[in-house]
Amino acid sequence: MLAERDVSYVYREYVEEPLTVTELRSLFRRLDRSPRDALRGRDAKKAGLSGDETDAELVKLMAQHPTLLERPILDDGTRAVTGRPLEKLEALI
């Protein structure tokens, strides 16, 4: 979608280069979402999460296990959106 619209971007391989706790906290502010709202339910279940984790605990877990974070995410440094559904990305394009 981005390439089709000639939008330049940098792809970050989140598993090879996971976001740090600091990066995740900043990202959630730009997303205007809580860590729980950006948690991939299927992966949380596989990881054995109880659902009682605090936001701080979830951020640490997402830094350690990046597949817990919903994706794709488009981040322009000021605002960020998740790309599910993909049409949400249009808010930043």
Foldseek 3Di string as FASTA:
>chain_A
DCVVVVHDDDDDPCVVPNDALVRVVLQCVQQVHQLVVQFDPVVCVVVVPDVPDDSSRSSHVCRVPVVRGQDDKDDPPRHIHHPVPPVRCVVVD
